[in-house]
Amino acid sequence: MTTRPVHLFYSLMQQLKVPPKYAYSFMAALRLIPILFEEFQTLRLALKVRGVRYDRGVRGFYQRVKRYAIPLLAQSIRRAQRIAVAMEAKRFSLVKRRTYYYVIGFSRNDALYAVYLAVSLLLAYIAGRQFPYFDVTDVRFRG
């Protein structure tokens, strides 16, 4: 684990008082998103190499969903089972009180960062409304 996920994990448990099994589950889910995306890409390329073709329209969409969803869900269920077994082995469900190696608190810099982020988002929104890349008021084609 890198430093950033460890701090997020401890912040969830310490500041937000989230039980360890839910905080760990949230962190595991965040970690699984890129893995799921890689599996999707691998499956897409494998189907492309095999020359799989799809119909057009709704039927083609259904074929794609069927070809992608079943293998991805099966892999996700297997992975979730392994994570659940690991959490049980680490006794996440039985621990009531927990000690922390890192005690994480909020500082003045955290508050400044939150204000900076809010102001930046607000300014970006205002700039986007005042100076749009494209004029989107009338989308009809004028030939």
C-alpha atoms as a PDB file:
ATOM      1  CA  MET A   1       0.000   0.000   0.000  1.00  0.00           C
ATOM      2  CA  THR A   2       1.211   3.463  -0.761  1.00  0.00           C
ATOM      3  CA  THR A   3       1.074   6.356   1.669  1.00  0.00           C
ATOM      4  CA  ARG A   4      -2.001   8.081   0.233  1.00  0.00           C
ATOM      5  CA  PRO A   5      -4.413   5.106   0.500  1.00  0.00           C
ATOM      6  CA  VAL A   6      -3.159   4.370   4.011  1.00  0.00           C
ATOM      7  CA  HIS A   7      -3.965   7.928   5.095  1.00  0.00           C
ATOM      8  CA  LEU A   8      -7.404   7.791   3.488  1.00  0.00           C
ATOM      9  CA  PHE A   9      -8.056   4.455   5.199  1.00  0.00           C
ATOM     10  CA  TYR A  10      -7.066   5.821   8.612  1.00  0.00           C
ATOM     11  CA  SER A  11      -8.945   9.084   8.027  1.00  0.00           C
ATOM     12  CA  LEU A  12     -12.136   7.164   7.295  1.00  0.00           C
ATOM     13  CA  MET A  13     -11.773   5.257  10.551  1.00  0.00           C
ATOM     14  CA  GLN A  14     -10.437   8.026  12.791  1.00  0.00           C
ATOM     15  CA  GLN A  15     -12.156  11.232  11.702  1.00  0.00           C
ATOM     16  CA  LEU A  16     -15.369   9.838  10.218  1.00  0.00           C
ATOM     17  CA  LYS A  17     -15.663   6.962  12.745  1.00  0.00           C
ATOM     18  CA  VAL A  18     -16.332   4.415   9.985  1.00  0.00           C
ATOM     19  CA  PRO A  19     -15.995   0.829  11.261  1.00  0.00           C
ATOM     20  CA  PRO A  20     -12.785  -0.850  10.022  1.00  0.00           C
ATOM     21  CA  LYS A  21     -14.549  -3.474   7.927  1.00  0.00           C
ATOM     22  CA  TYR A  22     -16.438  -0.782   5.975  1.00  0.00           C
ATOM     23  CA  ALA A  23     -13.371   1.439   5.570  1.00  0.00           C
ATOM     24  CA  TYR A  24     -11.325  -1.509   4.338  1.00  0.00           C
ATOM     25  CA  SER A  25     -14.133  -2.554   1.995  1.00  0.00           C
ATOM     26  CA  PHE A  26     -14.270   0.977   0.564  1.00  0.00           C
ATOM     27  CA  MET A  27     -10.512   1.013   0.022  1.00  0.00           C
ATOM     28  CA  ALA A  28     -10.625  -2.437  -1.588  1.00  0.00           C
ATOM     29  CA  ALA A  29     -13.379  -1.255  -3.931  1.00  0.00           C
ATOM     30  CA  LEU A  30     -11.319   1.771  -4.941  1.00  0.00           C
ATOM     31  CA  ARG A  31      -8.375  -0.513  -5.619  1.00  0.00           C
ATOM     32  CA  LEU A  32     -10.516  -2.816  -7.759  1.00  0.00           C
ATOM     33  CA  ILE A  33     -11.743  -0.127 -10.168  1.00  0.00           C
ATOM     34  CA  PRO A  34      -8.507   0.008 -12.226  1.00  0.00           C
ATOM     35  CA  ILE A  35      -8.261  -3.791 -12.139  1.00  0.00           C
ATOM     36  CA  LEU A  36     -11.810  -4.105 -13.479  1.00  0.00           C
ATOM     37  CA  PHE A  37     -11.010  -1.589 -16.230  1.00  0.00           C
ATOM     38  CA  GLU A  38      -7.890  -3.582 -17.217  1.00  0.00           C
ATOM     39  CA  GLU A  39      -9.945  -6.777 -17.363  1.00  0.00           C
ATOM     40  CA  PHE A  40     -12.490  -4.996 -19.563  1.00  0.00           C
ATOM     41  CA  GLN A  41      -9.725  -3.864 -21.927  1.00  0.00           C
ATOM     42  CA  THR A  42      -8.235  -7.371 -22.037  1.00  0.00           C
ATOM     43  CA  LEU A  43     -11.631  -8.896 -22.769  1.00  0.00           C
ATOM     44  CA  ARG A  44     -12.349  -6.299 -25.452  1.00  0.00           C
ATOM     45  CA  LEU A  45      -9.033  -6.995 -27.181  1.00  0.00           C
ATOM     46  CA  ALA A  46      -9.494 -10.769 -26.879  1.00  0.00           C
ATOM     47  CA  LEU A  47     -12.904 -10.559 -28.531  1.00  0.00           C
ATOM     48  CA  LYS A  48     -11.464  -8.319 -31.230  1.00  0.00           C
ATOM     49  CA  VAL A  49      -8.646 -10.800 -31.944  1.00  0.00           C
ATOM     50  CA  ARG A  50     -11.184 -13.624 -32.172  1.00  0.00           C
ATOM     51  CA  GLY A  51     -13.093 -11.634 -34.778  1.00  0.00           C
ATOM     52  CA  VAL A  52     -16.338 -11.347 -32.826  1.00  0.00           C
ATOM     53  CA  ARG A  53     -18.853  -9.178 -34.662  1.00  0.00           C
ATOM     54  CA  TYR A  54     -21.997  -7.580 -33.290  1.00  0.00           C
ATOM     55  CA  ASP A  55     -25.314  -6.706 -34.888  1.00  0.00           C
ATOM     56  CA  ARG A  56     -26.418  -3.105 -35.088  1.00  0.00           C
ATOM     57  CA  GLY A  57     -29.001  -1.487 -32.867  1.00  0.00           C
ATOM     58  CA  VAL A  58     -30.537  -2.815 -29.686  1.00  0.00           C
ATOM     59  CA  ARG A  59     -29.717  -6.433 -30.505  1.00  0.00           C
ATOM     60  CA  GLY A  60     -26.016  -5.571 -30.908  1.00  0.00           C
ATOM     61  CA  PHE A  61     -26.045  -3.663 -27.639  1.00  0.00           C
ATOM     62  CA  TYR A  62     -27.565  -6.684 -25.888  1.00  0.00           C
ATOM     63  CA  GLN A  63     -24.895  -8.952 -27.439  1.00  0.00           C
ATOM     64  CA  ARG A  64     -22.114  -6.681 -26.193  1.00  0.00           C
ATOM     65  CA  VAL A  65     -23.549  -6.461 -22.681  1.00  0.00           C
ATOM     66  CA  LYS A  66     -23.903 -10.235 -22.560  1.00  0.00           C
ATOM     67  CA  ARG A  67     -20.351 -10.887 -23.802  1.00  0.00           C
ATOM     68  CA  TYR A  68     -18.773  -8.394 -21.396  1.00  0.00           C
ATOM     69  CA  ALA A  69     -20.975  -8.604 -18.306  1.00  0.00           C
ATOM     70  CA  ILE A  70     -20.828 -12.334 -17.627  1.00  0.00           C
ATOM     71  CA  PRO A  71     -17.015 -12.724 -17.560  1.00  0.00           C
ATOM     72  CA  LEU A  72     -16.496  -9.429 -15.714  1.00  0.00           C
ATOM     73  CA  LEU A  73     -19.105 -10.279 -13.083  1.00  0.00           C
ATOM     74  CA  ALA A  74     -17.680 -13.769 -12.627  1.00  0.00           C
ATOM     75  CA  GLN A  75     -14.177 -12.379 -12.054  1.00  0.00           C
ATOM     76  CA  SER A  76     -15.527  -9.707  -9.700  1.00  0.00           C
ATOM     77  CA  ILE A  77     -17.410 -12.284  -7.643  1.00  0.00           C
ATOM     78  CA  ARG A  78     -14.275 -14.448  -7.342  1.00  0.00           C
ATOM     79  CA  ARG A  79     -12.201 -11.454  -6.297  1.00  0.00           C
ATOM     80  CA  ALA A  80     -14.824 -10.296  -3.784  1.00  0.00           C
ATOM     81  CA  GLN A  81     -14.849 -13.789  -2.267  1.00  0.00           C
ATOM     82  CA  ARG A  82     -11.071 -13.708  -1.833  1.00  0.00           C
ATOM     83  CA  ILE A  83     -11.237 -10.264  -0.230  1.00  0.00           C
ATOM     84  CA  ALA A  84     -14.015 -11.387   2.121  1.00  0.00           C
ATOM     85  CA  VAL A  85     -11.954 -14.404   3.196  1.00  0.00           C
ATOM     86  CA  ALA A  86      -8.937 -12.149   3.783  1.00  0.00           C
ATOM     87  CA  MET A  87     -11.041  -9.765   5.884  1.00  0.00           C
ATOM     88  CA  GLU A  88     -12.365 -12.669   7.941  1.00  0.00           C
ATOM     89  CA  ALA A  89      -8.811 -13.941   8.448  1.00  0.00           C
ATOM     90  CA  LYS A  90      -7.811 -10.498   9.726  1.00  0.00           C
ATOM     91  CA  ARG A  91     -10.822 -10.549  12.078  1.00  0.00           C
ATOM     92  CA  PHE A  92     -12.383  -7.356  10.718  1.00  0.00           C
ATOM     93  CA  SER A  93     -15.852  -8.436  11.773  1.00  0.00           C
ATOM     94  CA  LEU A  94     -15.004  -9.134  15.438  1.00  0.00           C
ATOM     95  CA  VAL A  95     -12.821  -6.179  16.467  1.00  0.00           C
ATOM     96  CA  LYS A  96     -14.721  -3.595  18.503  1.00  0.00           C
ATOM     97  CA  ARG A  97     -11.879  -1.282  19.577  1.00  0.00           C
ATOM     98  CA  ARG A  98      -8.901  -0.569  17.423  1.00  0.00           C
ATOM     99  CA  THR A  99      -5.510   1.027  17.949  1.00  0.00           C
ATOM    100  CA  TYR A 100      -3.750   3.058  15.273  1.00  0.00           C
ATOM    101  CA  TYR A 101      -0.103   3.168  14.359  1.00  0.00           C
ATOM    102  CA  TYR A 102      -0.649   6.487  12.591  1.00  0.00           C
ATOM    103  CA  VAL A 103      -2.805   9.077  14.310  1.00  0.00           C
ATOM    104  CA  ILE A 104      -4.114  11.398  11.642  1.00  0.00           C
ATOM    105  CA  GLY A 105      -5.623  14.771  12.342  1.00  0.00           C
ATOM    106  CA  PHE A 106      -6.714  17.800  10.399  1.00  0.00           C
ATOM    107  CA  SER A 107      -4.403  20.792  10.226  1.00  0.00           C
ATOM    108  CA  ARG A 108      -4.616  24.373   9.077  1.00  0.00           C
ATOM    109  CA  ASN A 109      -3.173  23.289   5.720  1.00  0.00           C
ATOM    110  CA  ASP A 110      -6.078  20.884   5.228  1.00  0.00           C
ATOM    111  CA  ALA A 111      -8.566  23.706   5.757  1.00  0.00           C
ATOM    112  CA  LEU A 112      -6.631  25.976   3.373  1.00  0.00           C
ATOM    113  CA  TYR A 113      -6.593  23.231   0.751  1.00  0.00           C
ATOM    114  CA  ALA A 114     -10.361  22.742   1.065  1.00  0.00           C
ATOM    115  CA  VAL A 115     -10.951  26.493   0.631  1.00  0.00           C
ATOM    116  CA  TYR A 116      -8.513  26.614  -2.303  1.00  0.00           C
ATOM    117  CA  LEU A 117     -10.268  23.669  -3.969  1.00  0.00           C
ATOM    118  CA  ALA A 118     -13.734  25.205  -3.492  1.00  0.00           C
ATOM    119  CA  VAL A 119     -12.604  28.596  -4.859  1.00  0.00           C
ATOM    120  CA  SER A 120     -10.837  26.933  -7.819  1.00  0.00           C
ATOM    121  CA  LEU A 121     -13.937  24.930  -8.715  1.00  0.00           C
ATOM    122  CA  LEU A 122     -16.141  27.993  -8.411  1.00  0.00           C
ATOM    123  CA  LEU A 123     -13.820  30.077 -10.619  1.00  0.00           C
ATOM    124  CA  ALA A 124     -13.605  27.267 -13.194  1.00  0.00           C
ATOM    125  CA  TYR A 125     -17.404  27.043 -13.281  1.00  0.00           C
ATOM    126  CA  ILE A 126     -17.794  30.812 -13.673  1.00  0.00           C
ATOM    127  CA  ALA A 127     -15.120  30.941 -16.392  1.00  0.00           C
ATOM    128  CA  GLY A 128     -16.767  28.043 -18.208  1.00  0.00           C
ATOM    129  CA  ARG A 129     -20.126  29.820 -18.175  1.00  0.00           C
ATOM    130  CA  GLN A 130     -18.679  33.204 -19.234  1.00  0.00           C
ATOM    131  CA  PHE A 131     -16.197  31.961 -21.860  1.00  0.00           C
ATOM    132  CA  PRO A 132     -17.426  28.662 -23.299  1.00  0.00           C
ATOM    133  CA  TYR A 133     -15.351  26.778 -25.866  1.00  0.00           C
ATOM    134  CA  PHE A 134     -18.367  26.407 -28.127  1.00  0.00           C
ATOM    135  CA  ASP A 135     -21.602  28.286 -28.364  1.00  0.00           C
ATOM    136  CA  VAL A 136     -24.241  25.794 -27.274  1.00  0.00           C
ATOM    137  CA  THR A 137     -27.286  28.022 -27.182  1.00  0.00           C
ATOM    138  CA  ASP A 138     -28.646  26.816 -30.548  1.00  0.00           C
ATOM    139  CA  VAL A 139     -27.743  23.317 -31.674  1.00  0.00           C
ATOM    140  CA  ARG A 140     -29.848  23.167 -34.835  1.00  0.00           C
ATOM    141  CA  PHE A 141     -27.985  22.760 -38.105  1.00  0.00           C
ATOM    142  CA  ARG A 142     -27.923  25.850 -40.299  1.00  0.00           C
ATOM    143  CA  GLY A 143     -27.115  24.886 -43.874  1.00  0.00           C
END
